[in-house]
N, C-alpha and C. Protein backbone atom coordinates (compact mmCIF):
# COMPACT_ATOMS: atom_id res chain seq x y z
N UNK A 1 0.72 -1.22 -0.22
CA UNK A 1 0.28 -0.17 -0.11
C UNK A 1 1.03 0.86 -0.04
N UNK A 2 0.58 2.18 -0.77
CA UNK A 2 1.31 3.41 -0.72
C UNK A 2 0.41 4.37 -0.21
N UNK A 3 0.88 5.23 0.23
CA UNK A 3 0.12 6.66 0.78
C UNK A 3 0.64 7.86 0.75
N UNK A 4 -0.21 8.59 0.36
CA UNK A 4 0.79 10.37 0.37
C UNK A 4 -0.62 10.99 0.97
N UNK A 5 0.12 12.01 2.13
CA UNK A 5 -0.58 13.00 2.61
C UNK A 5 -0.25 14.03 2.63
N UNK A 6 -1.10 14.74 2.13
CA UNK A 6 -1.21 16.18 2.50
C UNK A 6 -1.91 17.15 3.57
N UNK A 7 -1.44 17.71 4.39
CA UNK A 7 -2.30 18.62 5.40
C UNK A 7 -2.88 19.83 4.34
N UNK A 8 -3.82 20.19 4.72
CA UNK A 8 -4.49 21.15 3.77
C UNK A 8 -5.04 22.07 4.49
N UNK A 9 -5.09 23.55 4.00
CA UNK A 9 -5.54 24.75 4.52
C UNK A 9 -7.47 24.18 4.04
N UNK A 10 -7.79 24.24 2.95
CA UNK A 10 -8.89 23.56 2.12
C UNK A 10 -8.60 22.69 1.18
N UNK A 11 -9.63 21.83 0.78
CA UNK A 11 -9.63 20.62 -0.03
C UNK A 11 -11.02 20.78 -0.58
N UNK A 12 -11.23 20.68 -2.17
CA UNK A 12 -12.51 20.92 -2.45
C UNK A 12 -12.11 19.55 -3.68
N UNK A 13 -13.55 19.11 -3.71
CA UNK A 13 -13.50 18.49 -4.84
C UNK A 13 -14.86 18.34 -5.68
N UNK A 14 -15.08 17.91 -6.99
CA UNK A 14 -16.33 17.68 -7.59
C UNK A 14 -16.24 16.90 -8.61
N UNK A 15 -17.35 15.90 -8.64
CA UNK A 15 -17.13 14.62 -9.32
C UNK A 15 -17.17 14.97 -10.83
N UNK A 16 -16.33 14.67 -11.68
CA UNK A 16 -16.07 14.68 -13.03
C UNK A 16 -16.68 13.35 -14.13
N UNK A 17 -15.89 12.25 -13.63
CA UNK A 17 -16.11 11.33 -14.85
C UNK A 17 -16.46 10.23 -14.14
N UNK A 18 -17.59 9.35 -14.38
CA UNK A 18 -17.82 7.58 -13.61
C UNK A 18 -16.63 6.88 -14.04
N UNK A 19 -15.44 6.17 -13.53
CA UNK A 19 -14.62 5.12 -13.58
C UNK A 19 -15.12 3.72 -13.37
N UNK A 20 -16.18 3.73 -12.89
CA UNK A 20 -16.52 2.27 -12.68
C UNK A 20 -17.89 1.99 -12.47
N UNK A 21 -18.24 0.87 -13.42
CA UNK A 21 -19.58 0.72 -13.96
C UNK A 21 -20.70 0.81 -12.47
N UNK A 22 -20.48 0.11 -11.67
CA UNK A 22 -21.38 -0.13 -10.59
C UNK A 22 -21.05 0.76 -9.53
N UNK A 23 -20.31 1.87 -9.62
CA UNK A 23 -20.23 3.22 -8.88
C UNK A 23 -21.58 3.69 -8.48
N UNK A 24 -22.18 3.68 -7.08
CA UNK A 24 -23.21 4.80 -6.42
C UNK A 24 -22.96 6.35 -7.31
N UNK A 25 -23.52 6.64 -6.98
CA UNK A 25 -24.02 8.55 -7.63
C UNK A 25 -23.36 9.06 -6.25
N UNK A 26 -22.09 9.97 -7.16
CA UNK A 26 -21.02 10.57 -6.16
C UNK A 26 -21.77 11.50 -5.37
N UNK A 27 -22.72 12.02 -5.06
CA UNK A 27 -23.41 13.11 -4.60
C UNK A 27 -22.65 14.46 -5.37
N UNK A 28 -23.20 15.81 -4.17
CA UNK A 28 -22.53 17.14 -5.03
C UNK A 28 -20.97 17.03 -4.56
N UNK A 29 -20.44 18.03 -5.16
CA UNK A 29 -19.39 18.53 -4.77
C UNK A 29 -19.17 18.78 -3.15
N UNK A 30 -17.94 18.82 -3.04
CA UNK A 30 -18.08 18.95 -1.30
C UNK A 30 -16.57 19.81 -0.89
N UNK A 31 -16.35 20.23 0.13
CA UNK A 31 -15.35 21.20 0.85
C UNK A 31 -14.89 20.89 1.83
N UNK A 32 -13.79 21.05 2.01
CA UNK A 32 -12.94 20.40 3.27
C UNK A 32 -12.26 21.70 4.45
N UNK A 33 -11.85 22.05 5.33
CA UNK A 33 -11.04 23.19 5.61
C UNK A 33 -9.91 22.38 6.74
N UNK A 34 -8.92 22.32 7.04
CA UNK A 34 -8.05 22.05 7.86
C UNK A 34 -8.22 20.49 8.34
N UNK A 35 -7.74 19.89 7.08
CA UNK A 35 -7.98 18.73 7.18
C UNK A 35 -6.35 17.93 6.44
N UNK A 36 -6.26 16.51 6.78
CA UNK A 36 -5.52 15.91 6.00
C UNK A 36 -6.19 14.87 4.87
N UNK A 37 -5.52 15.01 3.67
CA UNK A 37 -6.11 14.63 2.61
C UNK A 37 -5.44 13.35 2.25
N UNK A 38 -5.65 12.08 1.93
CA UNK A 38 -4.95 10.80 2.16
C UNK A 38 -5.20 10.55 1.08
N UNK A 39 -3.97 10.20 -0.17
CA UNK A 39 -3.97 9.46 -1.43
C UNK A 39 -3.56 8.23 -1.17
N UNK A 40 -4.17 7.08 -1.65
CA UNK A 40 -4.24 5.84 -0.78
C UNK A 40 -4.04 4.83 -2.86
N UNK A 41 -3.24 4.10 -2.50
CA UNK A 41 -3.25 3.38 -3.35
C UNK A 41 -3.36 1.69 -2.72
N UNK A 42 -3.99 1.02 -2.51
CA UNK A 42 -4.14 -0.19 -2.26
C UNK A 42 -3.22 -1.22 -3.53
N UNK A 43 -2.61 -2.30 -2.89
CA UNK A 43 -1.92 -2.97 -4.08
C UNK A 43 -2.30 -4.47 -3.77
N UNK A 44 -1.85 -5.08 -5.12
CA UNK A 44 -2.47 -6.52 -5.40
C UNK A 44 -1.99 -7.36 -4.00
N UNK A 45 -0.61 -7.16 -3.97
CA UNK A 45 -0.01 -7.77 -2.81
C UNK A 45 -0.87 -7.39 -1.03
N UNK A 46 -1.21 -6.44 -0.79
CA UNK A 46 -2.25 -6.34 0.20
C UNK A 46 -3.23 -7.08 0.45
N UNK A 47 -3.62 -7.83 -0.65
CA UNK A 47 -4.67 -8.55 -0.47
C UNK A 47 -4.36 -10.22 0.23
N UNK A 48 -2.85 -10.34 0.01
CA UNK A 48 -2.15 -11.51 0.35
C UNK A 48 -2.73 -11.49 1.86
N UNK A 49 -2.61 -10.42 2.47
CA UNK A 49 -2.66 -10.18 3.86
C UNK A 49 -4.26 -9.91 4.04
N UNK A 50 -5.06 -10.19 5.75
CA UNK A 50 -6.24 -10.06 5.84
C UNK A 50 -6.53 -8.66 5.75
N UNK A 51 -7.41 -7.83 5.23
CA UNK A 51 -7.86 -6.92 5.43
C UNK A 51 -7.81 -5.99 6.26
N UNK A 52 -8.14 -6.72 7.78
CA UNK A 52 -8.16 -6.09 9.01
C UNK A 52 -6.70 -5.91 9.21
N UNK A 53 -5.32 -6.74 8.71
CA UNK A 53 -4.20 -6.01 9.25
C UNK A 53 -3.82 -4.80 8.39
N UNK A 54 -4.44 -4.88 7.52
CA UNK A 54 -3.79 -3.82 6.11
C UNK A 54 -4.76 -2.30 6.96
N UNK A 55 -5.93 -2.63 7.42
CA UNK A 55 -6.59 -1.37 7.86
C UNK A 55 -6.02 -1.06 9.25
N UNK A 56 -5.21 -1.83 10.09
CA UNK A 56 -4.83 -1.24 11.29
C UNK A 56 -3.50 -0.91 10.96
N UNK A 57 -2.62 -1.14 10.17
CA UNK A 57 -1.41 -0.65 9.86
C UNK A 57 -1.53 0.89 9.00
N UNK A 58 -2.64 1.24 8.27
CA UNK A 58 -3.08 2.47 7.36
C UNK A 58 -3.62 3.04 8.64
N UNK A 59 -4.51 2.53 9.59
CA UNK A 59 -4.87 3.64 10.99
C UNK A 59 -4.01 4.24 11.37
N UNK A 60 -3.14 3.57 12.33
CA UNK A 60 -1.86 3.47 12.61
C UNK A 60 -1.33 4.64 12.05
N UNK A 61 -0.67 4.77 10.67
CA UNK A 61 0.38 6.04 10.33
C UNK A 61 -1.13 6.62 10.22
N UNK A 62 -2.23 6.92 9.61
CA UNK A 62 -2.99 8.02 9.74
C UNK A 62 -2.89 8.76 11.10
N UNK A 63 -3.30 8.12 12.05
CA UNK A 63 -3.09 8.62 13.37
C UNK A 63 -1.87 9.37 13.89
N UNK A 64 -0.74 8.64 14.05
CA UNK A 64 0.50 9.49 13.57
C UNK A 64 1.12 10.70 12.91
N UNK A 65 0.32 10.89 11.26
CA UNK A 65 0.21 12.05 10.78
C UNK A 65 -0.19 12.93 11.63
N UNK A 66 -1.54 12.63 12.10
CA UNK A 66 -2.41 13.45 12.42
C UNK A 66 -1.73 14.16 13.77
N UNK A 67 -1.32 13.32 14.78
CA UNK A 67 -0.54 13.85 15.89
C UNK A 67 0.47 14.97 15.21
N UNK A 68 1.05 14.62 14.24
CA UNK A 68 2.36 15.17 13.51
C UNK A 68 1.44 16.37 13.05
N UNK A 69 0.26 16.87 12.85
CA UNK A 69 0.01 18.16 12.19
C UNK A 69 -1.44 18.52 13.11
N UNK A 70 -1.52 17.74 14.49
CA UNK A 70 -2.40 18.48 15.20
C UNK A 70 -3.63 18.60 14.86
N UNK A 71 -3.96 17.60 14.01
CA UNK A 71 -5.33 17.62 13.07
C UNK A 71 -6.30 16.35 13.18
N UNK A 72 -7.44 16.31 13.42
CA UNK A 72 -8.39 15.13 13.71
C UNK A 72 -9.43 14.92 12.46
N UNK A 73 -8.84 15.67 11.39
CA UNK A 73 -10.00 15.60 10.34
C UNK A 73 -9.17 15.20 8.93
N UNK A 74 -10.03 13.92 8.50
CA UNK A 74 -9.45 13.26 7.79
C UNK A 74 -10.15 13.41 6.06
N UNK A 75 -9.62 13.08 5.31
CA UNK A 75 -10.73 12.61 3.94
C UNK A 75 -9.73 11.71 3.01
N UNK A 76 -10.05 10.53 2.80
CA UNK A 76 -9.74 9.17 2.49
C UNK A 76 -9.93 9.34 1.02
N UNK A 77 -9.07 9.13 -0.39
CA UNK A 77 -9.05 9.71 -1.27
C UNK A 77 -8.16 8.43 -2.20
N UNK A 78 -9.07 7.12 -2.81
CA UNK A 78 -8.67 6.16 -3.23
C UNK A 78 -7.98 6.76 -4.98
N UNK A 79 -6.53 6.48 -4.38
CA UNK A 79 -5.85 7.25 -6.16
C UNK A 79 -4.76 6.03 -6.01
N UNK A 80 -5.13 5.44 -7.59
CA UNK A 80 -4.77 4.66 -8.33
C UNK A 80 -3.76 5.03 -8.90
N UNK A 81 -2.96 5.52 -8.88
CA UNK A 81 -1.60 6.13 -9.31
C UNK A 81 -0.65 6.11 -8.79
N UNK A 82 -0.24 5.68 -7.49
CA UNK A 82 1.06 5.89 -6.68
C UNK A 82 2.04 4.36 -7.19
N UNK A 83 1.45 3.43 -8.00
CA UNK A 83 1.86 2.26 -8.41
C UNK A 83 1.12 1.39 -9.58
N UNK A 84 1.93 0.81 -10.16
CA UNK A 84 1.41 0.02 -11.24
C UNK A 84 0.25 -1.41 -10.90
N UNK A 85 0.41 -1.91 -9.10
CA UNK A 85 -0.08 -2.79 -8.91
C UNK A 85 -1.40 -2.26 -8.21
N UNK A 86 -2.35 -3.01 -8.85
CA UNK A 86 -3.99 -2.29 -7.95
C UNK A 86 -4.71 -3.30 -7.30
N UNK A 87 -5.01 -3.22 -6.17
CA UNK A 87 -5.98 -3.99 -5.51
C UNK A 87 -7.28 -4.18 -6.26
N UNK A 88 -7.99 -5.25 -5.59
CA UNK A 88 -9.24 -5.24 -6.19
C UNK A 88 -10.30 -3.97 -5.65
N UNK A 89 -11.27 -3.71 -6.65
CA UNK A 89 -12.52 -2.79 -6.00
C UNK A 89 -12.87 -3.48 -4.93
N UNK A 90 -12.98 -4.75 -4.77
CA UNK A 90 -13.77 -4.90 -3.13
C UNK A 90 -13.00 -4.62 -1.97
N UNK A 91 -12.07 -5.25 -2.35
CA UNK A 91 -11.05 -4.88 -1.01
C UNK A 91 -10.53 -3.86 -0.57
N UNK A 92 -10.01 -2.84 -2.13
CA UNK A 92 -9.89 -1.40 -1.87
C UNK A 92 -11.20 -1.01 -1.19
N UNK A 93 -12.14 -0.99 -1.08
CA UNK A 93 -13.13 -0.51 -0.70
C UNK A 93 -13.63 -0.89 0.76
N UNK A 94 -13.33 -1.93 0.76
CA UNK A 94 -13.51 -2.49 2.40
C UNK A 94 -12.47 -2.10 3.26
N UNK A 95 -11.41 -1.66 2.68
CA UNK A 95 -10.22 -1.35 3.70
C UNK A 95 -11.00 -0.26 3.81
N UNK A 96 -11.45 0.82 2.80
CA UNK A 96 -11.77 2.22 3.06
C UNK A 96 -12.42 2.28 4.15
N UNK A 97 -13.69 1.44 4.16
CA UNK A 97 -14.50 1.61 5.13
C UNK A 97 -14.31 1.48 6.40
N UNK A 98 -13.61 -0.01 6.75
CA UNK A 98 -13.02 -0.21 7.65
C UNK A 98 -12.00 0.66 8.51
N UNK A 99 -11.14 1.40 7.55
CA UNK A 99 -10.27 2.44 8.15
C UNK A 99 -11.23 3.76 8.71
N UNK A 100 -12.13 4.04 7.68
CA UNK A 100 -12.86 5.01 8.60
C UNK A 100 -13.49 4.62 9.49
N UNK A 101 -14.27 3.76 9.65
CA UNK A 101 -14.94 3.23 11.19
C UNK A 101 -14.40 3.52 12.35
N UNK A 102 -12.59 2.42 11.85
CA UNK A 102 -12.17 2.62 13.38
C UNK A 102 -12.00 4.05 13.83
N UNK A 103 -11.31 4.59 12.71
CA UNK A 103 -10.89 6.14 12.81
C UNK A 103 -11.93 6.77 13.49
N UNK A 104 -13.20 7.25 13.09
CA UNK A 104 -14.00 7.65 13.84
C UNK A 104 -14.53 7.24 15.23
N UNK A 105 -14.52 6.02 15.25
CA UNK A 105 -14.53 5.26 16.67
C UNK A 105 -13.80 6.25 17.65
N UNK A 106 -12.16 6.42 16.70
CA UNK A 106 -11.04 7.02 17.85
C UNK A 106 -11.45 8.44 18.00
N UNK A 107 -12.61 9.23 17.59
CA UNK A 107 -12.96 10.16 17.94
C UNK A 107 -12.10 11.34 16.09
N UNK A 108 -11.97 11.05 15.24
CA UNK A 108 -11.53 11.38 14.21
C UNK A 108 -13.15 11.61 13.52
N UNK A 109 -12.83 12.62 12.70
CA UNK A 109 -13.74 13.16 11.54
C UNK A 109 -13.65 12.60 10.31
N UNK A 110 -13.84 12.02 9.63
CA UNK A 110 -13.52 11.14 8.26
C UNK A 110 -14.52 10.89 7.11
N UNK A 111 -13.98 11.69 6.25
CA UNK A 111 -14.90 11.45 4.76
C UNK A 111 -14.25 10.84 3.77
N UNK A 112 -14.77 10.31 2.73
CA UNK A 112 -14.65 9.32 1.80
C UNK A 112 -14.60 10.15 0.55
N UNK A 113 -13.68 10.64 -0.70
CA UNK A 113 -14.11 11.09 -1.81
C UNK A 113 -14.83 9.99 -2.45
N UNK A 114 -16.25 10.28 -3.43
CA UNK A 114 -16.40 9.20 -4.10
C UNK A 114 -16.32 8.35 -4.81
N UNK A 115 -16.27 7.10 -4.39
CA UNK A 115 -15.24 5.78 -5.01
C UNK A 115 -15.94 5.53 -6.29
N UNK A 116 -14.91 5.50 -7.37
CA UNK A 116 -14.87 5.16 -8.57
C UNK A 116 -15.60 6.14 -9.61
N UNK A 117 -14.88 6.99 -9.07
CA UNK A 117 -15.18 8.87 -10.13
C UNK A 117 -13.55 9.32 -9.83
N UNK A 118 -13.66 9.88 -11.72
CA UNK A 118 -12.19 10.80 -11.42
C UNK A 118 -13.22 12.10 -11.07
N UNK A 119 -12.33 12.88 -9.96
CA UNK A 119 -12.60 14.02 -9.63
C UNK A 119 -12.01 15.23 -10.07
N UNK A 120 -12.71 16.79 -10.18
CA UNK A 120 -11.51 17.68 -10.08
C UNK A 120 -11.23 18.16 -8.55
N UNK A 121 -9.87 18.40 -8.65
CA UNK A 121 -9.37 18.39 -7.20
C UNK A 121 -9.15 19.99 -6.83
N UNK A 122 -9.32 20.75 -6.02
CA UNK A 122 -8.55 22.16 -5.74
C UNK A 122 -8.24 21.65 -4.04
N UNK A 123 -6.76 21.89 -4.04
CA UNK A 123 -6.05 21.50 -3.14
C UNK A 123 -5.12 22.63 -2.22
N UNK A 124 -5.12 23.04 -1.02
CA UNK A 124 -4.30 24.57 -0.77
C UNK A 124 -4.01 24.02 0.07
N UNK A 125 -2.41 23.41 0.10
CA UNK A 125 -1.79 23.15 1.09
C UNK A 125 -0.26 23.76 1.23
N UNK A 126 -0.14 24.18 2.89
CA UNK A 126 1.03 25.19 2.91
C UNK A 126 1.99 23.96 2.72
N UNK A 127 3.58 24.78 3.07
CA UNK A 127 4.71 24.05 2.72
C UNK A 127 5.33 24.29 4.09
N UNK A 128 5.42 23.44 5.17
CA UNK A 128 5.80 22.76 6.16
C UNK A 128 6.53 21.62 5.90
N UNK A 129 7.19 21.16 6.75
CA UNK A 129 7.72 19.87 6.71
C UNK A 129 7.03 18.99 6.92
N UNK A 130 6.24 18.53 7.64
CA UNK A 130 4.96 17.47 7.70
C UNK A 130 4.02 17.42 7.06
N UNK A 131 3.89 18.75 6.42
CA UNK A 131 2.44 18.92 5.56
C UNK A 131 2.75 18.16 4.38
N UNK A 132 3.30 17.09 4.26
CA UNK A 132 3.53 16.12 3.18
C UNK A 132 4.04 14.86 3.52
N UNK A 133 3.54 13.95 3.30
CA UNK A 133 4.01 12.21 3.93
C UNK A 133 3.75 11.05 3.21
N UNK A 134 4.99 10.86 2.84
CA UNK A 134 4.85 9.70 1.61
C UNK A 134 5.15 8.78 2.49
N UNK A 135 4.87 7.17 2.07
CA UNK A 135 4.76 6.03 3.03
C UNK A 135 4.52 4.86 2.10
N UNK A 136 5.14 3.75 2.16
CA UNK A 136 4.51 2.56 1.56
C UNK A 136 4.42 1.55 3.00
N UNK A 137 3.21 1.14 3.28
CA UNK A 137 2.84 0.22 4.31
C UNK A 137 2.90 -0.98 4.15
């Protein structure tokens, strides 16, 4: 799994193009302030482990990044462009949903961008050391 985190002053998206035939309607455009925007690439090798172990690894990393940025607002974004390897759609979505639930149970505010859509993105990210974090989990 590859993860790229941006601390953002402001982040907004609007659905642009559907890329999964069975994706549910994306809803309206949304905006977020003062949040961690997390680009996540779940890889085929992640499926060799159970979803719970991968979810726990992701959540622990996000909690660490949140502490470093003094922030509890997180937006999860599936981004299949950090690696050539891709996990199945069902595994990826399950991982996202379970990570969101675990984080919310730990008093984080968590949202997901619409799964199965390309999005128009607007990102206002300040330039300081831990405003951008990359990891291979």
